[in-house]
Amino acid sequence: MIKVSIRQANESELKVINDIIRACVFAWNLSDRVKRLTVSSYQYDSFDLEYFETFVAIDSSKRIVGVATLEKINTLILPEGQTGLLLHGLYVDPTFQNQRIGQQLLQFACQRVKSKELDGLLVKAQVNANSFFKQQGFEHLPVIDADKDYPHRWWKKI
């Protein structure tokens, strides 16, 4: 396990953040064409840093090894009667995965939810990440409206 410090990201770190996201997307079980066509939609720019709460995980060598972004969301997409944040993105540099960095970023996100006195954290997971969120105590939300509901939604009550 690598212990990381977590702090808010700044604009000068966007290249490193986007390099991590690119490496993660290219590690997904998708065709190379799909990866090339979609990777830019996952990456962030300076506007995103203003819109999202973006945090980076820093290792003991002062390297950014992970990133998490939180978004304020409309209660209509949350479980009924709940308030919360959306975990918009959670990425750990593939060379540092399986060392509990994602868990530390997720714990930090849950602390942010609690500090805002909200009920929980919603995730629209990439299909390969479903088992990770299940292991972290998230509850899979059922699809009620197939035209509206993303099928890999997970909710964690804080």
Protein backbone atom coordinates (compact mmCIF):
# COMPACT_ATOMS: atom_id res chain seq x y z
CA MET A 1 0.00 0.00 0.00
CA ILE A 2 1.22 3.47 -0.88
CA LYS A 3 0.14 6.24 1.44
CA VAL A 4 -0.69 9.39 -0.49
CA SER A 5 -1.53 12.95 0.39
CA ILE A 6 -4.58 14.39 -1.31
CA ARG A 7 -5.08 18.01 -2.22
CA GLN A 8 -6.94 20.17 -4.70
CA ALA A 9 -5.51 20.13 -8.22
CA ASN A 10 -4.31 23.24 -9.98
CA GLU A 11 -4.22 24.22 -13.63
CA SER A 12 -0.49 23.63 -13.98
CA GLU A 13 -1.13 19.92 -13.28
CA LEU A 14 -3.64 19.35 -16.10
CA LYS A 15 -1.12 17.71 -18.41
CA VAL A 16 -0.11 15.14 -15.78
CA ILE A 17 -3.76 14.56 -14.83
CA ASN A 18 -4.74 14.04 -18.46
CA ASP A 19 -1.77 11.74 -19.05
CA ILE A 20 -3.00 9.55 -16.18
CA ILE A 21 -6.53 9.55 -17.57
CA ARG A 22 -5.23 8.65 -21.03
CA ALA A 23 -3.19 5.76 -19.61
CA CYS A 24 -6.25 4.49 -17.72
CA VAL A 25 -8.56 4.69 -20.73
CA PHE A 26 -6.03 2.88 -22.89
CA ALA A 27 -5.86 0.10 -20.28
CA TRP A 28 -9.64 -0.50 -20.51
CA ASN A 29 -10.97 -3.55 -22.33
CA LEU A 30 -12.16 -1.63 -25.40
CA SER A 31 -11.06 -1.54 -29.01
CA ASP A 32 -8.17 0.79 -29.79
CA ARG A 33 -10.44 2.79 -32.09
CA VAL A 34 -12.99 3.38 -29.32
CA LYS A 35 -10.22 4.39 -26.94
CA ARG A 36 -8.80 6.90 -29.45
CA LEU A 37 -12.23 8.36 -30.17
CA THR A 38 -13.33 8.70 -26.55
CA VAL A 39 -10.22 9.52 -24.51
CA SER A 40 -10.57 13.28 -25.01
CA SER A 41 -14.09 13.23 -23.56
CA TYR A 42 -12.68 11.93 -20.26
CA GLN A 43 -9.90 14.49 -20.00
CA TYR A 44 -10.15 17.85 -18.21
CA ASP A 45 -9.40 21.46 -19.08
CA SER A 46 -9.16 24.67 -17.06
CA PHE A 47 -12.93 25.20 -17.21
CA ASP A 48 -13.44 21.76 -15.67
CA LEU A 49 -11.19 22.73 -12.74
CA GLU A 50 -13.59 25.58 -12.01
CA TYR A 51 -16.70 23.41 -12.41
CA PHE A 52 -15.59 20.22 -10.67
CA GLU A 53 -13.85 19.70 -7.36
CA THR A 54 -10.67 18.06 -8.62
CA PHE A 55 -8.21 16.37 -6.27
CA VAL A 56 -4.87 14.72 -6.86
CA ALA A 57 -3.13 11.95 -4.93
CA ILE A 58 0.56 12.69 -4.35
CA ASP A 59 3.04 9.98 -3.40
CA SER A 60 6.13 10.41 -1.20
CA SER A 61 8.20 11.37 -4.27
CA LYS A 62 5.78 14.27 -4.95
CA ARG A 63 4.40 12.56 -8.08
CA ILE A 64 0.72 12.76 -8.98
CA VAL A 65 -0.41 9.14 -9.04
CA GLY A 66 -4.18 9.57 -9.07
CA VAL A 67 -7.02 12.00 -9.56
CA ALA A 68 -10.65 12.24 -8.45
CA THR A 69 -13.32 14.72 -9.48
CA LEU A 70 -16.58 15.49 -7.73
CA GLU A 71 -19.61 17.20 -9.22
CA LYS A 72 -22.70 18.79 -7.72
CA ILE A 73 -25.68 17.07 -9.25
CA ASN A 74 -29.41 17.37 -9.61
CA THR A 75 -31.27 15.33 -7.04
CA LEU A 76 -33.40 13.84 -9.84
CA ILE A 77 -30.65 11.36 -10.69
CA LEU A 78 -30.03 10.38 -7.06
CA PRO A 79 -31.96 7.76 -5.12
CA GLU A 80 -35.30 9.23 -4.09
CA GLY A 81 -35.11 11.73 -1.25
CA GLN A 82 -31.29 11.74 -1.16
CA THR A 83 -28.70 14.47 -1.64
CA GLY A 84 -25.17 13.86 -2.79
CA LEU A 85 -22.26 14.37 -5.10
CA LEU A 86 -21.32 12.55 -8.27
CA LEU A 87 -17.89 11.00 -8.42
CA HIS A 88 -17.29 12.21 -11.95
CA GLY A 89 -13.91 10.57 -12.31
CA LEU A 90 -11.51 8.37 -10.37
CA TYR A 91 -8.24 7.48 -12.06
CA VAL A 92 -5.04 5.93 -10.74
CA ASP A 93 -1.91 5.77 -12.87
CA PRO A 94 -1.85 2.13 -14.09
CA THR A 95 1.71 1.66 -12.79
CA PHE A 96 0.41 2.44 -9.28
CA GLN A 97 -2.88 0.54 -9.35
CA ASN A 98 -3.73 -2.13 -6.77
CA GLN A 99 -1.91 -0.21 -4.04
CA ARG A 100 -5.03 1.28 -2.38
CA ILE A 101 -4.63 4.73 -3.96
CA GLY A 102 -8.12 4.53 -5.46
CA GLN A 103 -9.50 3.62 -2.04
CA GLN A 104 -7.77 6.60 -0.46
CA LEU A 105 -9.18 8.94 -3.11
CA LEU A 106 -12.61 7.41 -2.61
CA GLN A 107 -12.39 7.85 1.18
CA PHE A 108 -11.45 11.48 0.59
CA ALA A 109 -14.48 11.90 -1.69
CA CYS A 110 -16.72 10.42 1.00
CA GLN A 111 -15.28 12.88 3.53
CA ARG A 112 -16.15 15.73 1.13
CA VAL A 113 -19.75 14.45 0.97
CA LYS A 114 -19.90 14.31 4.76
CA SER A 115 -18.38 17.79 5.16
CA LYS A 116 -21.11 19.20 2.90
CA GLU A 117 -23.74 17.42 5.02
CA LEU A 118 -25.02 15.43 2.05
CA ASP A 119 -26.40 11.90 2.10
CA GLY A 120 -24.10 10.03 -0.24
CA LEU A 121 -21.93 9.56 -3.28
CA LEU A 122 -23.14 8.47 -6.71
CA VAL A 123 -20.89 6.85 -9.30
CA LYS A 124 -21.56 6.12 -12.96
CA ALA A 125 -18.87 3.49 -13.29
CA GLN A 126 -17.01 2.22 -16.29
CA VAL A 127 -18.09 -1.42 -16.57
CA ASN A 128 -14.66 -2.79 -15.57
CA ALA A 129 -14.83 -0.79 -12.31
CA ASN A 130 -18.09 -2.31 -11.04
CA SER A 131 -16.34 -4.83 -8.79
CA PHE A 132 -14.19 -2.08 -7.23
CA PHE A 133 -17.22 -0.03 -6.20
CA LYS A 134 -19.03 -3.12 -4.92
CA GLN A 135 -15.97 -3.96 -2.76
CA GLN A 136 -16.01 -0.40 -1.40
CA GLY A 137 -19.54 -0.80 -0.06
CA PHE A 138 -21.48 0.85 -2.87
CA GLU A 139 -24.96 -0.40 -3.71
CA HIS A 140 -25.82 -1.04 -7.35
CA LEU A 141 -28.84 1.02 -8.40
CA PRO A 142 -31.35 -0.75 -10.61
CA VAL A 143 -32.28 0.52 -14.04
CA ILE A 144 -35.82 1.87 -13.79
CA ASP A 145 -35.95 3.74 -17.10
CA ALA A 146 -33.72 2.14 -19.76
CA ASP A 147 -33.79 5.33 -21.84
CA LYS A 148 -32.57 7.46 -18.93
CA ASP A 149 -30.67 5.36 -16.39
CA TYR A 150 -27.02 4.51 -16.91
CA PRO A 151 -26.77 0.77 -16.13
CA HIS A 152 -23.63 0.93 -13.96
CA ARG A 153 -24.76 3.37 -11.28
CA TRP A 154 -23.55 2.86 -7.73
CA TRP A 155 -24.61 4.66 -4.55
CA LYS A 156 -22.88 4.87 -1.20
CA LYS A 157 -24.78 6.26 1.77
CA ILE A 158 -22.43 8.31 3.92
